[in-house]
C-alpha atoms as a PDB file:
ATOM      1  CA  UNK A   1     126.446 -82.604-185.292  1.00  0.00           C
ATOM      2  CA  UNK A   2     129.300 -80.519-183.889  1.00  0.00           C
ATOM      3  CA  UNK A   3     132.390 -80.262-186.073  1.00  0.00           C
ATOM      4  CA  UNK A   4     135.947 -79.417-185.109  1.00  0.00           C
ATOM      5  CA  UNK A   5     136.403 -77.038-188.060  1.00  0.00           C
ATOM      6  CA  UNK A   6     133.604 -74.878-186.592  1.00  0.00           C
ATOM      7  CA  UNK A   7     135.272 -74.769-183.202  1.00  0.00           C
ATOM      8  CA  UNK A   8     132.877 -77.460-181.960  1.00  0.00           C
ATOM      9  CA  UNK A   9     129.988 -75.006-182.279  1.00  0.00           C
ATOM     10  CA  UNK A  10     126.629 -75.761-183.912  1.00  0.00           C
ATOM     11  CA  UNK A  11     125.925 -74.786-187.507  1.00  0.00           C
ATOM     12  CA  UNK A  12     122.844 -72.605-187.085  1.00  0.00           C
ATOM     13  CA  UNK A  13     121.637 -73.281-190.620  1.00  0.00           C
ATOM     14  CA  UNK A  14     121.713 -77.006-189.852  1.00  0.00           C
ATOM     15  CA  UNK A  15     119.760 -76.401-186.653  1.00  0.00           C
ATOM     16  CA  UNK A  16     117.119 -74.389-188.515  1.00  0.00           C
ATOM     17  CA  UNK A  17     116.829 -77.081-191.184  1.00  0.00           C
ATOM     18  CA  UNK A  18     116.472 -79.813-188.556  1.00  0.00           C
ATOM     19  CA  UNK A  19     113.478 -78.208-186.824  1.00  0.00           C
ATOM     20  CA  UNK A  20     110.173 -79.477-188.243  1.00  0.00           C
ATOM     21  CA  UNK A  21     106.507 -79.230-187.187  1.00  0.00           C
ATOM     22  CA  UNK A  22     107.091 -82.458-185.220  1.00  0.00           C
ATOM     23  CA  UNK A  23     109.909 -80.949-183.155  1.00  0.00           C
ATOM     24  CA  UNK A  24     109.043 -80.550-179.468  1.00  0.00           C
ATOM     25  CA  UNK A  25     112.405 -79.639-177.991  1.00  0.00           C
ATOM     26  CA  UNK A  26     115.930 -78.534-178.896  1.00  0.00           C
ATOM     27  CA  UNK A  27     118.459 -80.055-176.494  1.00  0.00           C
ATOM     28  CA  UNK A  28     122.079 -79.033-175.990  1.00  0.00           C
ATOM     29  CA  UNK A  29     124.946 -78.992-173.494  1.00  0.00           C
ATOM     30  CA  UNK A  30     126.658 -75.694-172.647  1.00  0.00           C
ATOM     31  CA  UNK A  31     129.531 -75.688-171.767  1.00  0.00           C
ATOM     32  CA  UNK A  32     129.801 -78.687-174.005  1.00  0.00           C
ATOM     33  CA  UNK A  33     130.720 -82.216-173.051  1.00  0.00           C
ATOM     34  CA  UNK A  34     132.881 -83.784-174.520  1.00  0.00           C
ATOM     35  CA  UNK A  35     134.519 -80.960-176.489  1.00  0.00           C
ATOM     36  CA  UNK A  36     134.828 -78.216-173.867  1.00  0.00           C
ATOM     37  CA  UNK A  37     133.411 -75.667-176.318  1.00  0.00           C
ATOM     38  CA  UNK A  38     131.413 -72.682-175.110  1.00  0.00           C
ATOM     39  CA  UNK A  39     128.539 -71.040-176.970  1.00  0.00           C
ATOM     40  CA  UNK A  40     129.079 -67.326-177.710  1.00  0.00           C
ATOM     41  CA  UNK A  41     126.212 -65.123-176.534  1.00  0.00           C
ATOM     42  CA  UNK A  42     125.171 -64.407-180.121  1.00  0.00           C
ATOM     43  CA  UNK A  43     124.851 -68.147-180.791  1.00  0.00           C
ATOM     44  CA  UNK A  44     122.784 -68.595-177.648  1.00  0.00           C
ATOM     45  CA  UNK A  45     120.501 -65.754-178.765  1.00  0.00           C
ATOM     46  CA  UNK A  46     120.162 -67.303-182.221  1.00  0.00           C
ATOM     47  CA  UNK A  47     119.192 -70.682-180.747  1.00  0.00           C
ATOM     48  CA  UNK A  48     116.594 -68.978-178.567  1.00  0.00           C
ATOM     49  CA  UNK A  49     115.219 -67.213-181.629  1.00  0.00           C
ATOM     50  CA  UNK A  50     114.879 -70.521-183.493  1.00  0.00           C
ATOM     51  CA  UNK A  51     113.138 -72.144-180.517  1.00  0.00           C
ATOM     52  CA  UNK A  52     110.788 -69.192-180.032  1.00  0.00           C
ATOM     53  CA  UNK A  53     109.881 -69.003-183.721  1.00  0.00           C
ATOM     54  CA  UNK A  54     108.788 -72.645-183.606  1.00  0.00           C
ATOM     55  CA  UNK A  55     107.361 -72.439-180.065  1.00  0.00           C
ATOM     56  CA  UNK A  56     109.416 -75.407-178.857  1.00  0.00           C
ATOM     57  CA  UNK A  57     111.165 -76.039-175.569  1.00  0.00           C
ATOM     58  CA  UNK A  58     114.907 -75.513-175.327  1.00  0.00           C
ATOM     59  CA  UNK A  59     116.637 -77.876-172.911  1.00  0.00           C
ATOM     60  CA  UNK A  60     120.128 -76.892-171.787  1.00  0.00           C
ATOM     61  CA  UNK A  61     122.409 -79.100-169.715  1.00  0.00           C
ATOM     62  CA  UNK A  62     124.441 -76.495-167.806  1.00  0.00           C
ATOM     63  CA  UNK A  63     126.230 -78.845-165.421  1.00  0.00           C
ATOM     64  CA  UNK A  64     129.615 -77.319-166.378  1.00  0.00           C
ATOM     65  CA  UNK A  65     128.430 -73.700-166.063  1.00  0.00           C
ATOM     66  CA  UNK A  66     130.913 -71.847-163.861  1.00  0.00           C
ATOM     67  CA  UNK A  67     133.954 -73.716-165.205  1.00  0.00           C
ATOM     68  CA  UNK A  68     134.646 -71.210-168.010  1.00  0.00           C
ATOM     69  CA  UNK A  69     138.433 -70.862-168.230  1.00  0.00           C
ATOM     70  CA  UNK A  70     139.036 -67.678-170.231  1.00  0.00           C
ATOM     71  CA  UNK A  71     135.853 -65.618-169.910  1.00  0.00           C
ATOM     72  CA  UNK A  72     133.260 -64.675-167.320  1.00  0.00           C
ATOM     73  CA  UNK A  73     130.585 -67.195-166.410  1.00  0.00           C
ATOM     74  CA  UNK A  74     128.024 -67.637-169.163  1.00  0.00           C
ATOM     75  CA  UNK A  75     124.454 -66.461-168.891  1.00  0.00           C
ATOM     76  CA  UNK A  76     121.912 -69.232-168.382  1.00  0.00           C
ATOM     77  CA  UNK A  77     119.385 -70.126-171.057  1.00  0.00           C
ATOM     78  CA  UNK A  78     116.814 -69.862-168.265  1.00  0.00           C
ATOM     79  CA  UNK A  79     117.400 -66.085-168.325  1.00  0.00           C
ATOM     80  CA  UNK A  80     117.004 -65.867-172.106  1.00  0.00           C
ATOM     81  CA  UNK A  81     113.904 -67.867-172.985  1.00  0.00           C
ATOM     82  CA  UNK A  82     110.541 -68.401-171.342  1.00  0.00           C
ATOM     83  CA  UNK A  83     110.374 -72.046-172.485  1.00  0.00           C
ATOM     84  CA  UNK A  84     113.911 -72.990-171.501  1.00  0.00           C
ATOM     85  CA  UNK A  85     114.398 -76.009-169.233  1.00  0.00           C
ATOM     86  CA  UNK A  86     117.821 -76.053-167.569  1.00  0.00           C
ATOM     87  CA  UNK A  87     119.400 -79.011-165.796  1.00  0.00           C
ATOM     88  CA  UNK A  88     122.387 -78.471-163.523  1.00  0.00           C
ATOM     89  CA  UNK A  89     123.908 -79.705-160.288  1.00  0.00           C
ATOM     90  CA  UNK A  90     126.903 -79.837-157.986  1.00  0.00           C
ATOM     91  CA  UNK A  91     128.859 -82.738-159.487  1.00  0.00           C
ATOM     92  CA  UNK A  92     130.977 -81.070-162.190  1.00  0.00           C
ATOM     93  CA  UNK A  93     131.984 -77.396-162.007  1.00  0.00           C
ATOM     94  CA  UNK A  94     131.368 -77.408-158.244  1.00  0.00           C
ATOM     95  CA  UNK A  95     133.318 -80.681-157.822  1.00  0.00           C
ATOM     96  CA  UNK A  96     130.867 -82.119-155.270  1.00  0.00           C
ATOM     97  CA  UNK A  97     129.538 -85.320-156.876  1.00  0.00           C
ATOM     98  CA  UNK A  98     129.201 -87.080-153.533  1.00  0.00           C
ATOM     99  CA  UNK A  99     126.248 -84.896-152.572  1.00  0.00           C
ATOM    100  CA  UNK A 100     124.228 -86.366-155.481  1.00  0.00           C
ATOM    101  CA  UNK A 101     122.262 -83.139-155.899  1.00  0.00           C
ATOM    102  CA  UNK A 102     120.972 -81.406-159.014  1.00  0.00           C
ATOM    103  CA  UNK A 103     118.080 -79.227-160.081  1.00  0.00           C
ATOM    104  CA  UNK A 104     115.749 -78.157-162.847  1.00  0.00           C
ATOM    105  CA  UNK A 105     114.825 -74.599-163.775  1.00  0.00           C
ATOM    106  CA  UNK A 106     112.019 -73.872-166.205  1.00  0.00           C
ATOM    107  CA  UNK A 107     108.392 -72.841-166.730  1.00  0.00           C
ATOM    108  CA  UNK A 108     106.389 -73.162-163.504  1.00  0.00           C
ATOM    109  CA  UNK A 109     103.749 -75.545-164.885  1.00  0.00           C
ATOM    110  CA  UNK A 110     106.261 -78.002-166.310  1.00  0.00           C
ATOM    111  CA  UNK A 111     108.507 -77.887-163.237  1.00  0.00           C
ATOM    112  CA  UNK A 112     105.513 -78.560-160.983  1.00  0.00           C
ATOM    113  CA  UNK A 113     104.645 -81.659-163.007  1.00  0.00           C
ATOM    114  CA  UNK A 114     108.236 -82.887-162.836  1.00  0.00           C
ATOM    115  CA  UNK A 115     108.292 -82.208-159.088  1.00  0.00           C
ATOM    116  CA  UNK A 116     105.224 -84.404-158.603  1.00  0.00           C
ATOM    117  CA  UNK A 117     106.880 -87.258-160.507  1.00  0.00           C
ATOM    118  CA  UNK A 118     110.054 -86.873-158.458  1.00  0.00           C
ATOM    119  CA  UNK A 119     108.077 -87.064-155.207  1.00  0.00           C
ATOM    120  CA  UNK A 120     106.256 -90.150-156.457  1.00  0.00           C
ATOM    121  CA  UNK A 121     109.479 -92.019-157.249  1.00  0.00           C
ATOM    122  CA  UNK A 122     112.020 -90.935-154.636  1.00  0.00           C
ATOM    123  CA  UNK A 123     110.511 -88.253-152.342  1.00  0.00           C
ATOM    124  CA  UNK A 124     113.656 -86.349-151.386  1.00  0.00           C
ATOM    125  CA  UNK A 125     117.419 -86.198-151.209  1.00  0.00           C
ATOM    126  CA  UNK A 126     119.517 -86.661-148.072  1.00  0.00           C
ATOM    127  CA  UNK A 127     119.087 -83.983-145.405  1.00  0.00           C
ATOM    128  CA  UNK A 128     122.852 -83.695-144.879  1.00  0.00           C
ATOM    129  CA  UNK A 129     123.441 -83.217-148.614  1.00  0.00           C
ATOM    130  CA  UNK A 130     120.820 -80.475-148.699  1.00  0.00           C
ATOM    131  CA  UNK A 131     122.414 -78.770-145.685  1.00  0.00           C
ATOM    132  CA  UNK A 132     125.863 -78.813-147.312  1.00  0.00           C
ATOM    133  CA  UNK A 133     124.408 -77.650-150.638  1.00  0.00           C
ATOM    134  CA  UNK A 134     122.811 -74.680-148.901  1.00  0.00           C
ATOM    135  CA  UNK A 135     126.273 -73.689-147.654  1.00  0.00           C
ATOM    136  CA  UNK A 136     128.229 -74.182-150.889  1.00  0.00           C
ATOM    137  CA  UNK A 137     125.648 -72.356-153.018  1.00  0.00           C
ATOM    138  CA  UNK A 138     125.957 -69.153-151.019  1.00  0.00           C
ATOM    139  CA  UNK A 139     127.479 -66.643-153.488  1.00  0.00           C
ATOM    140  CA  UNK A 140     130.840 -66.176-151.732  1.00  0.00           C
ATOM    141  CA  UNK A 141     131.425 -69.885-151.111  1.00  0.00           C
ATOM    142  CA  UNK A 142     130.297 -70.795-154.632  1.00  0.00           C
ATOM    143  CA  UNK A 143     132.765 -68.275-156.086  1.00  0.00           C
ATOM    144  CA  UNK A 144     135.544 -69.714-153.906  1.00  0.00           C
ATOM    145  CA  UNK A 145     134.903 -73.282-155.045  1.00  0.00           C
ATOM    146  CA  UNK A 146     134.634 -72.328-158.720  1.00  0.00           C
ATOM    147  CA  UNK A 147     137.857 -70.311-158.492  1.00  0.00           C
ATOM    148  CA  UNK A 148     139.679 -73.372-157.152  1.00  0.00           C
ATOM    149  CA  UNK A 149     138.226 -75.536-159.922  1.00  0.00           C
ATOM    150  CA  UNK A 150     139.207 -73.076-162.655  1.00  0.00           C
ATOM    151  CA  UNK A 151     142.773 -72.763-161.339  1.00  0.00           C
ATOM    152  CA  UNK A 152     143.184 -76.543-161.405  1.00  0.00           C
ATOM    153  CA  UNK A 153     141.650 -76.852-164.874  1.00  0.00           C
ATOM    154  CA  UNK A 154     143.788 -74.050-166.338  1.00  0.00           C
ATOM    155  CA  UNK A 155     146.944 -75.680-165.004  1.00  0.00           C
ATOM    156  CA  UNK A 156     145.956 -79.064-166.389  1.00  0.00           C
ATOM    157  CA  UNK A 157     144.921 -77.594-169.743  1.00  0.00           C
ATOM    158  CA  UNK A 158     148.371 -76.010-170.033  1.00  0.00           C
ATOM    159  CA  UNK A 159     149.959 -79.375-169.191  1.00  0.00           C
ATOM    160  CA  UNK A 160     147.846 -81.169-171.793  1.00  0.00           C
ATOM    161  CA  UNK A 161     148.588 -78.528-174.438  1.00  0.00           C
ATOM    162  CA  UNK A 162     152.339 -78.882-173.881  1.00  0.00           C
ATOM    163  CA  UNK A 163     152.034 -82.664-174.016  1.00  0.00           C
ATOM    164  CA  UNK A 164     150.116 -82.578-177.295  1.00  0.00           C
ATOM    165  CA  UNK A 165     152.643 -80.159-178.807  1.00  0.00           C
ATOM    166  CA  UNK A 166     155.388 -82.604-177.828  1.00  0.00           C
ATOM    167  CA  UNK A 167     153.446 -85.470-179.440  1.00  0.00           C
ATOM    168  CA  UNK A 168     151.985 -83.608-182.410  1.00  0.00           C
ATOM    169  CA  UNK A 169     152.536 -86.505-184.777  1.00  0.00           C
ATOM    170  CA  UNK A 170     150.137 -88.552-182.663  1.00  0.00           C
ATOM    171  CA  UNK A 171     147.577 -86.077-181.316  1.00  0.00           C
ATOM    172  CA  UNK A 172     145.906 -82.716-181.948  1.00  0.00           C
ATOM    173  CA  UNK A 173     143.058 -80.795-180.336  1.00  0.00           C
ATOM    174  CA  UNK A 174     141.238 -77.551-179.843  1.00  0.00           C
ATOM    175  CA  UNK A 175     141.937 -76.538-176.225  1.00  0.00           C
ATOM    176  CA  UNK A 176     138.727 -76.613-174.184  1.00  0.00           C
ATOM    177  CA  UNK A 177     137.232 -73.290-173.119  1.00  0.00           C
ATOM    178  CA  UNK A 178     135.313 -74.750-170.185  1.00  0.00           C
ATOM    179  CA  UNK A 179     134.705 -77.958-168.294  1.00  0.00           C
ATOM    180  CA  UNK A 180     136.819 -80.808-167.058  1.00  0.00           C
ATOM    181  CA  UNK A 181     137.553 -82.613-170.299  1.00  0.00           C
ATOM    182  CA  UNK A 182     139.371 -82.286-173.615  1.00  0.00           C
ATOM    183  CA  UNK A 183     138.415 -83.887-176.929  1.00  0.00           C
ATOM    184  CA  UNK A 184     141.589 -85.078-178.611  1.00  0.00           C
ATOM    185  CA  UNK A 185     142.085 -86.315-182.166  1.00  0.00           C
ATOM    186  CA  UNK A 186     144.540 -89.215-182.525  1.00  0.00           C
ATOM    187  CA  UNK A 187     146.508 -90.306-185.585  1.00  0.00           C
ATOM    188  CA  UNK A 188     146.174 -94.062-185.752  1.00  0.00           C
ATOM    189  CA  UNK A 189     144.053 -96.403-187.850  1.00  0.00           C
ATOM    190  CA  UNK A 190     142.040 -97.912-185.019  1.00  0.00           C
ATOM    191  CA  UNK A 191     138.471 -97.563-183.783  1.00  0.00           C
ATOM    192  CA  UNK A 192     138.284 -95.354-180.703  1.00  0.00           C
ATOM    193  CA  UNK A 193     136.434 -97.914-178.553  1.00  0.00           C
ATOM    194  CA  UNK A 194     139.029-100.555-179.416  1.00  0.00           C
ATOM    195  CA  UNK A 195     141.801 -98.083-178.651  1.00  0.00           C
ATOM    196  CA  UNK A 196     140.300 -97.130-175.287  1.00  0.00           C
ATOM    197  CA  UNK A 197     139.827-100.788-174.292  1.00  0.00           C
ATOM    198  CA  UNK A 198     143.447-101.592-175.093  1.00  0.00           C
ATOM    199  CA  UNK A 199     144.773 -98.561-173.217  1.00  0.00           C
ATOM    200  CA  UNK A 200     142.680 -99.574-170.203  1.00  0.00           C
ATOM    201  CA  UNK A 201     143.835-103.186-170.315  1.00  0.00           C
ATOM    202  CA  UNK A 202     147.517-102.530-171.047  1.00  0.00           C
ATOM    203  CA  UNK A 203     148.157 -99.207-169.284  1.00  0.00           C
ATOM    204  CA  UNK A 204     145.349 -98.958-166.687  1.00  0.00           C
ATOM    205  CA  UNK A 205     144.258 -95.569-168.030  1.00  0.00           C
ATOM    206  CA  UNK A 206     140.576 -94.719-168.390  1.00  0.00           C
ATOM    207  CA  UNK A 207     139.509 -92.700-171.448  1.00  0.00           C
ATOM    208  CA  UNK A 208     136.201 -92.193-173.260  1.00  0.00           C
ATOM    209  CA  UNK A 209     136.008 -93.185-176.943  1.00  0.00           C
ATOM    210  CA  UNK A 210     134.804 -90.619-179.448  1.00  0.00           C
ATOM    211  CA  UNK A 211     132.553 -93.056-181.253  1.00  0.00           C
ATOM    212  CA  UNK A 212     130.080 -93.048-178.337  1.00  0.00           C
ATOM    213  CA  UNK A 213     129.440 -89.437-179.412  1.00  0.00           C
ATOM    214  CA  UNK A 214     129.344 -90.376-183.093  1.00  0.00           C
ATOM    215  CA  UNK A 215     132.859 -88.981-183.586  1.00  0.00           C
ATOM    216  CA  UNK A 216     135.302 -91.818-184.127  1.00  0.00           C
ATOM    217  CA  UNK A 217     138.976 -90.872-184.285  1.00  0.00           C
ATOM    218  CA  UNK A 218     138.798 -88.902-181.041  1.00  0.00           C
ATOM    219  CA  UNK A 219     139.191 -89.651-177.349  1.00  0.00           C
ATOM    220  CA  UNK A 220     137.973 -87.684-174.358  1.00  0.00           C
ATOM    221  CA  UNK A 221     140.620 -87.022-171.721  1.00  0.00           C
ATOM    222  CA  UNK A 222     139.560 -85.832-168.282  1.00  0.00           C
ATOM    223  CA  UNK A 223     141.567 -82.870-166.975  1.00  0.00           C
ATOM    224  CA  UNK A 224     139.884 -82.488-163.606  1.00  0.00           C
ATOM    225  CA  UNK A 225     142.237 -84.721-161.609  1.00  0.00           C
ATOM    226  CA  UNK A 226     145.293 -83.656-159.660  1.00  0.00           C
ATOM    227  CA  UNK A 227     148.143 -82.619-161.954  1.00  0.00           C
ATOM    228  CA  UNK A 228     150.430 -85.551-161.100  1.00  0.00           C
ATOM    229  CA  UNK A 229     147.658 -88.052-161.914  1.00  0.00           C
ATOM    230  CA  UNK A 230     147.040 -86.436-165.301  1.00  0.00           C
ATOM    231  CA  UNK A 231     150.750 -86.334-166.047  1.00  0.00           C
ATOM    232  CA  UNK A 232     151.192 -90.024-165.232  1.00  0.00           C
ATOM    233  CA  UNK A 233     148.194 -90.966-167.380  1.00  0.00           C
ATOM    234  CA  UNK A 234     149.456 -88.968-170.335  1.00  0.00           C
ATOM    235  CA  UNK A 235     152.876 -90.607-170.107  1.00  0.00           C
ATOM    236  CA  UNK A 236     151.242 -94.060-170.193  1.00  0.00           C
ATOM    237  CA  UNK A 237     149.073 -93.063-173.147  1.00  0.00           C
ATOM    238  CA  UNK A 238     152.109 -91.807-175.064  1.00  0.00           C
ATOM    239  CA  UNK A 239     153.943 -95.073-174.345  1.00  0.00           C
ATOM    240  CA  UNK A 240     151.004 -97.042-175.712  1.00  0.00           C
ATOM    241  CA  UNK A 241     150.726 -94.952-178.873  1.00  0.00           C
ATOM    242  CA  UNK A 242     154.448 -95.259-179.566  1.00  0.00           C
ATOM    243  CA  UNK A 243     154.372 -99.025-179.065  1.00  0.00           C
END
């Protein structure tokens, strides 16, 4: 379980204690959804060490890799561990969800087996999507797209931070270090799913409740939209909370 007081980073002692002879895989998301936290390199190395000591797979969802806001792009777990399985795609950091394309990186034997299952169920993706993906994944174009995404996210993070400071009796948060979301604590005696439903019904604002992550008392706010959309949504949320 991630905890805010640890900067939304894993407690390595808890991870070690959780691994048993029955463990087959350690699974994580880096950069993290919903908190926007980012694993330091030393934490990544420690997780690899734990996985290697127990000879288990390490699955890393790296769909937000490339959206780091204050540091250089993180190294991939695929470059750190021989039994890492990485899932990624174009829908988040690259802001191209319409292409419906993603990929797996991992040990050759396991990837070959997964490839066979993919062919059996759905054969292939759209030819046009693959053509566009080939263009946007060229290093220069990829860097251009990620730079645009990071500029937008930094601007929206600054907007959200100012908004929370102005409403600090209602909300608090640790600013995200990557990704298109922020995990915000609210001060109100109401279940997060109930809160989100009421905000949707009364203010037409879509949020994600923290209790779906096992963390009631929080809401996930997307910061990947255009600035004026985020600003309007935040104003409606503040009106609801003051009501």
